[in-house]
Amino acid sequence: MKSEQGQFQIGEVSKEAGTSIDAIRYYEKSGLLEKPTRSEGGFRLYSKETIEKLRFIKKAQALGLTLTEIKGIMQCSKEGLKPCCDLVRKLFTKKIEESESKIKELQRMKKDLETLLSEWISPKEAKKRSYAVCPQIEREPKKKRR
């Protein structure tokens, strides 16, 4: 429910920002969000700015940024646009490099899985081999020639 002073209770903030109540409380504890004011009844009261910050956090997470990185960006933004943009450029560059590394790792994994599938051992043949749990996983794939 919106209060007279343009403040919102946590349920409304959660709905507006698309963030769980638990996440909002966690962001408060971790310092991503300032502690809210309280109503006379003890309810947390948030401003529209909090909703905007929560949307920012959600979008930054969707880009692969960690909460620590997001907190750094939010702190850096207080120093001005240039330092903040410089930090974001650096973080994006790092994320691209990490993504490229993960893509290569996933491509290797896919190739290994395809090789193991193409060399599938029948249950009859598998019984002749020594294995702890599953011979399909434990065996070494034959290396395909390129």
C-alpha atoms as a PDB file:
ATOM      1  CA  MET A   1       0.000   0.000   0.000  1.00  0.00           C
ATOM      2  CA  LYS A   2       1.256   3.469  -0.915  1.00  0.00           C
ATOM      3  CA  SER A   3       1.518   5.887   1.973  1.00  0.00           C
ATOM      4  CA  GLU A   4       0.619   9.559   1.844  1.00  0.00           C
ATOM      5  CA  GLN A   5       4.281  10.613   1.609  1.00  0.00           C
ATOM      6  CA  GLY A   6       4.828   8.675  -1.635  1.00  0.00           C
ATOM      7  CA  GLN A   7       6.374   5.707   0.118  1.00  0.00           C
ATOM      8  CA  PHE A   8       5.596   2.058  -0.434  1.00  0.00           C
ATOM      9  CA  GLN A   9       5.420  -0.996   1.771  1.00  0.00           C
ATOM     10  CA  ILE A  10       7.654  -3.945   0.963  1.00  0.00           C
ATOM     11  CA  GLY A  11       4.923  -5.999  -0.771  1.00  0.00           C
ATOM     12  CA  GLU A  12       4.193  -3.222  -3.252  1.00  0.00           C
ATOM     13  CA  VAL A  13       7.912  -2.643  -3.867  1.00  0.00           C
ATOM     14  CA  SER A  14       8.334  -6.361  -4.475  1.00  0.00           C
ATOM     15  CA  LYS A  15       5.511  -6.391  -7.023  1.00  0.00           C
ATOM     16  CA  GLU A  16       6.611  -3.184  -8.783  1.00  0.00           C
ATOM     17  CA  ALA A  17      10.258  -4.227  -9.057  1.00  0.00           C
ATOM     18  CA  GLY A  18       9.638  -7.916  -9.781  1.00  0.00           C
ATOM     19  CA  THR A  19      11.866  -8.880  -6.854  1.00  0.00           C
ATOM     20  CA  SER A  20      11.041 -11.125  -3.913  1.00  0.00           C
ATOM     21  CA  ILE A  21      10.573  -9.718  -0.442  1.00  0.00           C
ATOM     22  CA  ASP A  22      13.418 -11.929   0.797  1.00  0.00           C
ATOM     23  CA  ALA A  23      15.727 -10.496  -1.875  1.00  0.00           C
ATOM     24  CA  ILE A  24      14.837  -6.949  -0.857  1.00  0.00           C
ATOM     25  CA  ARG A  25      15.656  -7.716   2.765  1.00  0.00           C
ATOM     26  CA  TYR A  26      18.906  -9.392   1.696  1.00  0.00           C
ATOM     27  CA  TYR A  27      19.907  -6.361  -0.400  1.00  0.00           C
ATOM     28  CA  GLU A  28      19.308  -4.179   2.648  1.00  0.00           C
ATOM     29  CA  LYS A  29      21.494  -6.389   4.855  1.00  0.00           C
ATOM     30  CA  SER A  30      24.271  -6.502   2.257  1.00  0.00           C
ATOM     31  CA  GLY A  31      24.278  -2.726   1.783  1.00  0.00           C
ATOM     32  CA  LEU A  32      22.922  -2.596  -1.773  1.00  0.00           C
ATOM     33  CA  LEU A  33      19.883  -0.720  -0.496  1.00  0.00           C
ATOM     34  CA  GLU A  34      19.671   1.807   2.288  1.00  0.00           C
ATOM     35  CA  LYS A  35      17.680   0.872   5.342  1.00  0.00           C
ATOM     36  CA  PRO A  36      14.071   1.993   4.834  1.00  0.00           C
ATOM     37  CA  THR A  37      12.189   4.306   7.091  1.00  0.00           C
ATOM     38  CA  ARG A  38       9.507   2.764   9.277  1.00  0.00           C
ATOM     39  CA  SER A  39       5.870   3.600   9.677  1.00  0.00           C
ATOM     40  CA  GLU A  40       4.376   4.169  13.113  1.00  0.00           C
ATOM     41  CA  GLY A  41       3.239   0.546  12.966  1.00  0.00           C
ATOM     42  CA  GLY A  42       6.802  -0.637  12.229  1.00  0.00           C
ATOM     43  CA  PHE A  43       6.315  -1.388   8.531  1.00  0.00           C
ATOM     44  CA  ARG A  44       9.210  -0.746   6.170  1.00  0.00           C
ATOM     45  CA  LEU A  45       8.552   2.223   3.877  1.00  0.00           C
ATOM     46  CA  TYR A  46      10.397   2.614   0.576  1.00  0.00           C
ATOM     47  CA  SER A  47      10.668   5.391  -1.983  1.00  0.00           C
ATOM     48  CA  LYS A  48      10.211   5.192  -5.749  1.00  0.00           C
ATOM     49  CA  GLU A  49      14.036   5.409  -5.962  1.00  0.00           C
ATOM     50  CA  THR A  50      14.285   2.039  -4.199  1.00  0.00           C
ATOM     51  CA  ILE A  51      12.077   0.457  -6.858  1.00  0.00           C
ATOM     52  CA  GLU A  52      14.312   1.963  -9.562  1.00  0.00           C
ATOM     53  CA  LYS A  53      17.433   0.624  -7.813  1.00  0.00           C
ATOM     54  CA  LEU A  54      15.876  -2.839  -7.571  1.00  0.00           C
ATOM     55  CA  ARG A  55      15.124  -2.789 -11.292  1.00  0.00           C
ATOM     56  CA  PHE A  56      18.737  -1.735 -11.910  1.00  0.00           C
ATOM     57  CA  ILE A  57      20.025  -4.623  -9.765  1.00  0.00           C
ATOM     58  CA  LYS A  58      17.809  -7.095 -11.609  1.00  0.00           C
ATOM     59  CA  LYS A  59      18.960  -5.878 -15.035  1.00  0.00           C
ATOM     60  CA  ALA A  60      22.630  -5.900 -13.964  1.00  0.00           C
ATOM     61  CA  GLN A  61      22.268  -9.471 -12.706  1.00  0.00           C
ATOM     62  CA  ALA A  62      20.723 -10.466 -16.047  1.00  0.00           C
ATOM     63  CA  LEU A  63      23.940  -9.187 -17.667  1.00  0.00           C
ATOM     64  CA  GLY A  64      25.945 -11.562 -15.477  1.00  0.00           C
ATOM     65  CA  LEU A  65      27.151  -9.074 -12.899  1.00  0.00           C
ATOM     66  CA  THR A  66      27.560 -10.289  -9.320  1.00  0.00           C
ATOM     67  CA  LEU A  67      26.046  -8.488  -6.358  1.00  0.00           C
ATOM     68  CA  THR A  68      29.541  -7.403  -5.323  1.00  0.00           C
ATOM     69  CA  GLU A  69      30.133  -5.896  -8.771  1.00  0.00           C
ATOM     70  CA  ILE A  70      26.716  -4.237  -8.719  1.00  0.00           C
ATOM     71  CA  LYS A  71      27.423  -2.753  -5.299  1.00  0.00           C
ATOM     72  CA  GLY A  72      30.712  -1.386  -6.670  1.00  0.00           C
ATOM     73  CA  ILE A  73      28.891   0.228  -9.595  1.00  0.00           C
ATOM     74  CA  MET A  74      26.306   1.763  -7.295  1.00  0.00           C
ATOM     75  CA  GLN A  75      29.016   3.189  -5.032  1.00  0.00           C
ATOM     76  CA  CYS A  76      31.041   4.407  -8.014  1.00  0.00           C
ATOM     77  CA  SER A  77      28.000   6.180  -9.480  1.00  0.00           C
ATOM     78  CA  LYS A  78      28.165   8.590  -6.534  1.00  0.00           C
ATOM     79  CA  GLU A  79      31.569   9.754  -7.869  1.00  0.00           C
ATOM     80  CA  GLY A  80      30.123  10.765 -11.222  1.00  0.00           C
ATOM     81  CA  LEU A  81      29.207   9.367 -14.603  1.00  0.00           C
ATOM     82  CA  LYS A  82      32.720   8.977 -16.058  1.00  0.00           C
ATOM     83  CA  PRO A  83      34.212   6.838 -13.265  1.00  0.00           C
ATOM     84  CA  CYS A  84      31.045   4.768 -13.209  1.00  0.00           C
ATOM     85  CA  CYS A  85      31.053   4.215 -16.982  1.00  0.00           C
ATOM     86  CA  ASP A  86      34.771   3.367 -16.901  1.00  0.00           C
ATOM     87  CA  LEU A  87      34.111   0.724 -14.238  1.00  0.00           C
ATOM     88  CA  VAL A  88      31.163  -0.723 -16.166  1.00  0.00           C
ATOM     89  CA  ARG A  89      33.256  -0.910 -19.367  1.00  0.00           C
ATOM     90  CA  LYS A  90      35.972  -2.789 -17.451  1.00  0.00           C
ATOM     91  CA  LEU A  91      33.421  -5.190 -15.945  1.00  0.00           C
ATOM     92  CA  PHE A  92      31.705  -5.807 -19.298  1.00  0.00           C
ATOM     93  CA  THR A  93      35.066  -6.549 -20.935  1.00  0.00           C
ATOM     94  CA  LYS A  94      35.843  -9.042 -18.151  1.00  0.00           C
ATOM     95  CA  LYS A  95      32.403 -10.662 -18.539  1.00  0.00           C
ATOM     96  CA  ILE A  96      32.909 -11.078 -22.276  1.00  0.00           C
ATOM     97  CA  GLU A  97      36.262 -12.791 -21.683  1.00  0.00           C
ATOM     98  CA  GLU A  98      34.696 -15.070 -19.056  1.00  0.00           C
ATOM     99  CA  SER A  99      31.812 -15.870 -21.412  1.00  0.00           C
ATOM    100  CA  GLU A 100      34.171 -16.783 -24.233  1.00  0.00           C
ATOM    101  CA  SER A 101      36.060 -19.120 -21.906  1.00  0.00           C
ATOM    102  CA  LYS A 102      32.808 -20.762 -20.748  1.00  0.00           C
ATOM    103  CA  ILE A 103      31.638 -21.158 -24.345  1.00  0.00           C
ATOM    104  CA  LYS A 104      34.882 -22.968 -25.231  1.00  0.00           C
ATOM    105  CA  GLU A 105      34.495 -25.213 -22.183  1.00  0.00           C
ATOM    106  CA  LEU A 106      30.893 -26.020 -23.123  1.00  0.00           C
ATOM    107  CA  GLN A 107      31.912 -26.767 -26.721  1.00  0.00           C
ATOM    108  CA  ARG A 108      34.552 -29.237 -25.449  1.00  0.00           C
ATOM    109  CA  MET A 109      31.972 -30.853 -23.173  1.00  0.00           C
ATOM    110  CA  LYS A 110      29.482 -31.151 -26.037  1.00  0.00           C
ATOM    111  CA  LYS A 111      32.101 -32.758 -28.246  1.00  0.00           C
ATOM    112  CA  ASP A 112      33.007 -35.272 -25.506  1.00  0.00           C
ATOM    113  CA  LEU A 113      29.325 -36.145 -24.997  1.00  0.00           C
ATOM    114  CA  GLU A 114      28.794 -36.597 -28.743  1.00  0.00           C
ATOM    115  CA  THR A 115      31.860 -38.853 -28.917  1.00  0.00           C
ATOM    116  CA  LEU A 116      30.668 -40.971 -25.972  1.00  0.00           C
ATOM    117  CA  LEU A 117      27.208 -41.277 -27.533  1.00  0.00           C
ATOM    118  CA  SER A 118      28.643 -42.300 -30.888  1.00  0.00           C
ATOM    119  CA  GLU A 119      30.719 -45.006 -29.154  1.00  0.00           C
ATOM    120  CA  TRP A 120      27.899 -46.263 -26.918  1.00  0.00           C
ATOM    121  CA  ILE A 121      28.582 -49.649 -25.318  1.00  0.00           C
ATOM    122  CA  SER A 122      25.762 -52.152 -25.325  1.00  0.00           C
ATOM    123  CA  PRO A 123      24.715 -53.518 -21.916  1.00  0.00           C
ATOM    124  CA  LYS A 124      26.019 -56.945 -23.005  1.00  0.00           C
ATOM    125  CA  GLU A 125      29.469 -55.482 -23.782  1.00  0.00           C
ATOM    126  CA  ALA A 126      29.398 -53.275 -20.671  1.00  0.00           C
ATOM    127  CA  LYS A 127      28.981 -56.326 -18.409  1.00  0.00           C
ATOM    128  CA  LYS A 128      32.355 -57.605 -19.660  1.00  0.00           C
ATOM    129  CA  ARG A 129      34.129 -54.467 -18.455  1.00  0.00           C
ATOM    130  CA  SER A 130      35.221 -53.337 -15.020  1.00  0.00           C
ATOM    131  CA  TYR A 131      33.423 -50.287 -13.718  1.00  0.00           C
ATOM    132  CA  ALA A 132      32.403 -48.745 -10.397  1.00  0.00           C
ATOM    133  CA  VAL A 133      29.008 -47.312 -11.365  1.00  0.00           C
ATOM    134  CA  CYS A 134      28.448 -46.750 -15.098  1.00  0.00           C
ATOM    135  CA  PRO A 135      30.826 -47.757 -17.872  1.00  0.00           C
ATOM    136  CA  GLN A 136      29.344 -45.175 -20.261  1.00  0.00           C
ATOM    137  CA  ILE A 137      30.708 -42.394 -18.042  1.00  0.00           C
ATOM    138  CA  GLU A 138      33.841 -44.063 -16.689  1.00  0.00           C
ATOM    139  CA  ARG A 139      35.374 -45.131 -19.988  1.00  0.00           C
ATOM    140  CA  GLU A 140      37.678 -42.918 -21.974  1.00  0.00           C
ATOM    141  CA  PRO A 141      36.285 -41.884 -25.354  1.00  0.00           C
ATOM    142  CA  LYS A 142      38.250 -42.843 -28.411  1.00  0.00           C
ATOM    143  CA  LYS A 143      39.744 -39.754 -29.939  1.00  0.00           C
ATOM    144  CA  LYS A 144      38.259 -39.039 -33.337  1.00  0.00           C
ATOM    145  CA  ARG A 145      40.607 -38.045 -36.107  1.00  0.00           C
ATOM    146  CA  ARG A 146      40.121 -34.636 -37.628  1.00  0.00           C
END
